[in-house]
Amino acid sequence: VCHTDDRSPKVAQLQARPRAAWMFYDREAKTQLRATGAVSMHRGDELARERWEAATERSRRCYHQALGPGQALDPARETIPELDEGFGQFVVLQCVLDGLDWLYLRGRGHWRARWRWDGTGWQGAWVAP
């Protein structure tokens, strides 16, 4: 679960194709993990309200900006105008994972495994790195 601004380009992209990939890397462990799954969006519902109330005031202030992410700024302007409320721009993205790809980077050859959810359980196999 993460949250984003409703005006972000990723919201329209996820509406068109509600799938996401999450990439994690641990340099010390030399391990990379990619997780994939279906995304659902929550606006103004119970989950969105719960996550909004759990966020810090500082985090909530980001959604009060009158301009959406990526919109052009006037360089002469020192501040971005604010909206009275930010909850209307707040979207929770919830991803149900259905795939995992694990890669261990080692000097003598990498190891890689892949798992897929088949509806009843995880099926895994070693695959070429």
C-alpha atoms as a PDB file:
ATOM      1  CA  VAL A   1       0.000   0.000   0.000  1.00  0.00           C
ATOM      2  CA  CYS A   2       1.175   3.507  -0.821  1.00  0.00           C
ATOM      3  CA  HIS A   3      -0.518   6.797  -1.520  1.00  0.00           C
ATOM      4  CA  THR A   4      -0.283   9.404  -4.248  1.00  0.00           C
ATOM      5  CA  ASP A   5      -1.890  12.550  -5.587  1.00  0.00           C
ATOM      6  CA  ASP A   6      -4.963  11.938  -7.770  1.00  0.00           C
ATOM      7  CA  ARG A   7      -3.531  14.356 -10.337  1.00  0.00           C
ATOM      8  CA  SER A   8      -0.307  12.362 -10.741  1.00  0.00           C
ATOM      9  CA  PRO A   9       0.212  10.808 -14.207  1.00  0.00           C
ATOM     10  CA  LYS A  10       0.591   7.382 -12.573  1.00  0.00           C
ATOM     11  CA  VAL A  11      -3.092   7.442 -11.564  1.00  0.00           C
ATOM     12  CA  ALA A  12      -4.252   7.635 -15.199  1.00  0.00           C
ATOM     13  CA  GLN A  13      -1.685   4.994 -16.159  1.00  0.00           C
ATOM     14  CA  LEU A  14      -2.932   2.643 -13.457  1.00  0.00           C
ATOM     15  CA  GLN A  15      -6.551   3.268 -14.448  1.00  0.00           C
ATOM     16  CA  ALA A  16      -5.673   2.190 -18.003  1.00  0.00           C
ATOM     17  CA  ARG A  17      -3.644  -0.822 -16.830  1.00  0.00           C
ATOM     18  CA  PRO A  18      -4.058  -1.583 -13.108  1.00  0.00           C
ATOM     19  CA  ARG A  19      -0.772  -3.446 -12.589  1.00  0.00           C
ATOM     20  CA  ALA A  20       2.404  -2.363 -10.835  1.00  0.00           C
ATOM     21  CA  ALA A  21       5.929  -3.571 -10.211  1.00  0.00           C
ATOM     22  CA  TRP A  22       7.802  -2.790  -7.003  1.00  0.00           C
ATOM     23  CA  MET A  23      11.588  -3.000  -7.001  1.00  0.00           C
ATOM     24  CA  PHE A  24      13.638  -3.403  -3.829  1.00  0.00           C
ATOM     25  CA  TYR A  25      17.418  -3.638  -3.599  1.00  0.00           C
ATOM     26  CA  ASP A  26      19.647  -4.346  -0.612  1.00  0.00           C
ATOM     27  CA  ARG A  27      23.224  -3.484  -1.533  1.00  0.00           C
ATOM     28  CA  GLU A  28      24.783  -5.136   1.519  1.00  0.00           C
ATOM     29  CA  ALA A  29      22.836  -8.368   1.017  1.00  0.00           C
ATOM     30  CA  LYS A  30      23.422  -8.163  -2.778  1.00  0.00           C
ATOM     31  CA  THR A  31      19.756  -8.994  -3.231  1.00  0.00           C
ATOM     32  CA  GLN A  32      17.152  -7.577  -5.576  1.00  0.00           C
ATOM     33  CA  LEU A  33      13.438  -8.307  -5.256  1.00  0.00           C
ATOM     34  CA  ARG A  34      10.763  -7.400  -7.795  1.00  0.00           C
ATOM     35  CA  ALA A  35       7.134  -7.815  -6.765  1.00  0.00           C
ATOM     36  CA  THR A  36       4.248  -7.493  -9.235  1.00  0.00           C
ATOM     37  CA  GLY A  37       0.512  -7.408  -8.824  1.00  0.00           C
ATOM     38  CA  ALA A  38      -2.901  -5.931  -9.464  1.00  0.00           C
ATOM     39  CA  VAL A  39      -3.591  -2.434  -8.166  1.00  0.00           C
ATOM     40  CA  SER A  40      -6.838  -1.049  -6.799  1.00  0.00           C
ATOM     41  CA  MET A  41      -7.346   2.651  -6.093  1.00  0.00           C
ATOM     42  CA  HIS A  42      -9.115   4.010  -3.050  1.00  0.00           C
ATOM     43  CA  ARG A  43     -10.509   7.554  -3.068  1.00  0.00           C
ATOM     44  CA  GLY A  44     -12.707   8.877  -0.301  1.00  0.00           C
ATOM     45  CA  ASP A  45     -13.466   5.395   1.059  1.00  0.00           C
ATOM     46  CA  GLU A  46     -12.762   3.815   4.443  1.00  0.00           C
ATOM     47  CA  LEU A  47      -9.205   2.748   3.580  1.00  0.00           C
ATOM     48  CA  ALA A  48      -8.373   6.181   2.176  1.00  0.00           C
ATOM     49  CA  ARG A  49      -9.782   7.895   5.276  1.00  0.00           C
ATOM     50  CA  GLU A  50      -7.860   5.524   7.576  1.00  0.00           C
ATOM     51  CA  ARG A  51      -4.565   6.159   5.758  1.00  0.00           C
ATOM     52  CA  TRP A  52      -5.219   9.926   5.591  1.00  0.00           C
ATOM     53  CA  GLU A  53      -5.781  10.127   9.333  1.00  0.00           C
ATOM     54  CA  ALA A  54      -2.670   8.004  10.008  1.00  0.00           C
ATOM     55  CA  ALA A  55      -0.480  10.348   7.919  1.00  0.00           C
ATOM     56  CA  THR A  56       1.429  13.146   9.580  1.00  0.00           C
ATOM     57  CA  GLU A  57       0.256  16.719   9.106  1.00  0.00           C
ATOM     58  CA  ARG A  58       3.415  17.342   7.101  1.00  0.00           C
ATOM     59  CA  SER A  59       2.513  14.525   4.683  1.00  0.00           C
ATOM     60  CA  ARG A  60      -1.094  15.683   4.360  1.00  0.00           C
ATOM     61  CA  ARG A  61       0.064  19.234   3.475  1.00  0.00           C
ATOM     62  CA  CYS A  62       1.503  17.881   0.188  1.00  0.00           C
ATOM     63  CA  TYR A  63      -2.051  17.253  -1.048  1.00  0.00           C
ATOM     64  CA  HIS A  64      -3.119  20.848  -0.392  1.00  0.00           C
ATOM     65  CA  GLN A  65      -1.079  22.207  -3.311  1.00  0.00           C
ATOM     66  CA  ALA A  66      -3.215  23.776  -6.032  1.00  0.00           C
ATOM     67  CA  LEU A  67      -0.901  22.370  -8.715  1.00  0.00           C
ATOM     68  CA  GLY A  68      -0.676  18.676  -9.389  1.00  0.00           C
ATOM     69  CA  PRO A  69       2.596  16.727  -9.620  1.00  0.00           C
ATOM     70  CA  GLY A  70       4.534  17.569 -12.769  1.00  0.00           C
ATOM     71  CA  GLN A  71       2.623  20.752 -13.605  1.00  0.00           C
ATOM     72  CA  ALA A  72       4.717  23.703 -14.790  1.00  0.00           C
ATOM     73  CA  LEU A  73       5.636  26.352 -12.231  1.00  0.00           C
ATOM     74  CA  ASP A  74       6.001  30.074 -12.734  1.00  0.00           C
ATOM     75  CA  PRO A  75       9.667  30.743 -11.845  1.00  0.00           C
ATOM     76  CA  ALA A  76       8.725  34.189 -10.532  1.00  0.00           C
ATOM     77  CA  ARG A  77       6.447  32.653  -7.925  1.00  0.00           C
ATOM     78  CA  GLU A  78       8.042  31.792  -4.578  1.00  0.00           C
ATOM     79  CA  THR A  79       5.250  29.576  -3.276  1.00  0.00           C
ATOM     80  CA  ILE A  80       2.642  27.263  -4.722  1.00  0.00           C
ATOM     81  CA  PRO A  81      -0.957  28.275  -3.967  1.00  0.00           C
ATOM     82  CA  GLU A  82      -2.770  25.956  -1.582  1.00  0.00           C
ATOM     83  CA  LEU A  83      -6.235  24.423  -1.543  1.00  0.00           C
ATOM     84  CA  ASP A  84      -8.400  24.511   1.569  1.00  0.00           C
ATOM     85  CA  GLU A  85      -8.408  20.726   1.839  1.00  0.00           C
ATOM     86  CA  GLY A  86      -6.199  17.938   0.522  1.00  0.00           C
ATOM     87  CA  PHE A  87      -8.208  14.768   1.052  1.00  0.00           C
ATOM     88  CA  GLY A  88      -9.849  15.218  -2.370  1.00  0.00           C
ATOM     89  CA  GLN A  89      -6.468  14.701  -4.049  1.00  0.00           C
ATOM     90  CA  PHE A  90      -5.428  11.767  -1.828  1.00  0.00           C
ATOM     91  CA  VAL A  91      -5.466   8.284  -3.390  1.00  0.00           C
ATOM     92  CA  VAL A  92      -4.405   5.032  -1.776  1.00  0.00           C
ATOM     93  CA  LEU A  93      -2.903   2.470  -4.139  1.00  0.00           C
ATOM     94  CA  GLN A  94      -3.319  -1.074  -2.867  1.00  0.00           C
ATOM     95  CA  CYS A  95      -1.439  -3.839  -4.651  1.00  0.00           C
ATOM     96  CA  VAL A  96      -2.248  -7.540  -4.310  1.00  0.00           C
ATOM     97  CA  LEU A  97       0.943  -9.368  -5.227  1.00  0.00           C
ATOM     98  CA  ASP A  98       0.860 -12.245  -7.697  1.00  0.00           C
ATOM     99  CA  GLY A  99       4.515 -12.461  -8.687  1.00  0.00           C
ATOM    100  CA  LEU A 100       7.937 -12.346  -7.026  1.00  0.00           C
ATOM    101  CA  ASP A 101      11.327 -12.376  -8.697  1.00  0.00           C
ATOM    102  CA  TRP A 102      14.371 -12.777  -6.423  1.00  0.00           C
ATOM    103  CA  LEU A 103      17.941 -12.188  -7.611  1.00  0.00           C
ATOM    104  CA  TYR A 104      21.076 -12.761  -5.543  1.00  0.00           C
ATOM    105  CA  LEU A 105      24.129 -11.082  -7.057  1.00  0.00           C
ATOM    106  CA  ARG A 106      27.289 -13.061  -6.405  1.00  0.00           C
ATOM    107  CA  GLY A 107      30.741 -13.031  -7.981  1.00  0.00           C
ATOM    108  CA  ARG A 108      30.665 -16.725  -8.968  1.00  0.00           C
ATOM    109  CA  GLY A 109      27.356 -16.417 -10.823  1.00  0.00           C
ATOM    110  CA  HIS A 110      24.020 -14.968  -9.787  1.00  0.00           C
ATOM    111  CA  TRP A 111      21.085 -16.978  -8.418  1.00  0.00           C
ATOM    112  CA  ARG A 112      17.522 -16.203  -9.395  1.00  0.00           C
ATOM    113  CA  ALA A 113      14.134 -17.634  -8.474  1.00  0.00           C
ATOM    114  CA  ARG A 114      10.621 -16.711  -9.548  1.00  0.00           C
ATOM    115  CA  TRP A 115       7.274 -17.340  -7.838  1.00  0.00           C
ATOM    116  CA  ARG A 116       3.757 -16.894  -9.239  1.00  0.00           C
ATOM    117  CA  TRP A 117       0.461 -17.024  -7.390  1.00  0.00           C
ATOM    118  CA  ASP A 118      -1.884 -19.465  -9.174  1.00  0.00           C
ATOM    119  CA  GLY A 119      -4.998 -18.674  -7.150  1.00  0.00           C
ATOM    120  CA  THR A 120      -4.414 -21.355  -4.524  1.00  0.00           C
ATOM    121  CA  GLY A 121      -0.723 -21.051  -3.684  1.00  0.00           C
ATOM    122  CA  TRP A 122       2.703 -19.869  -4.750  1.00  0.00           C
ATOM    123  CA  GLN A 123       4.500 -21.845  -7.457  1.00  0.00           C
ATOM    124  CA  GLY A 124       8.240 -21.266  -7.707  1.00  0.00           C
ATOM    125  CA  ALA A 125      11.185 -22.279  -9.803  1.00  0.00           C
ATOM    126  CA  TRP A 126      14.849 -21.482 -10.268  1.00  0.00           C
ATOM    127  CA  VAL A 127      15.406 -19.518 -13.474  1.00  0.00           C
ATOM    128  CA  ALA A 128      18.417 -18.185 -15.369  1.00  0.00           C
ATOM    129  CA  PRO A 129      19.616 -14.845 -13.998  1.00  0.00           C
END
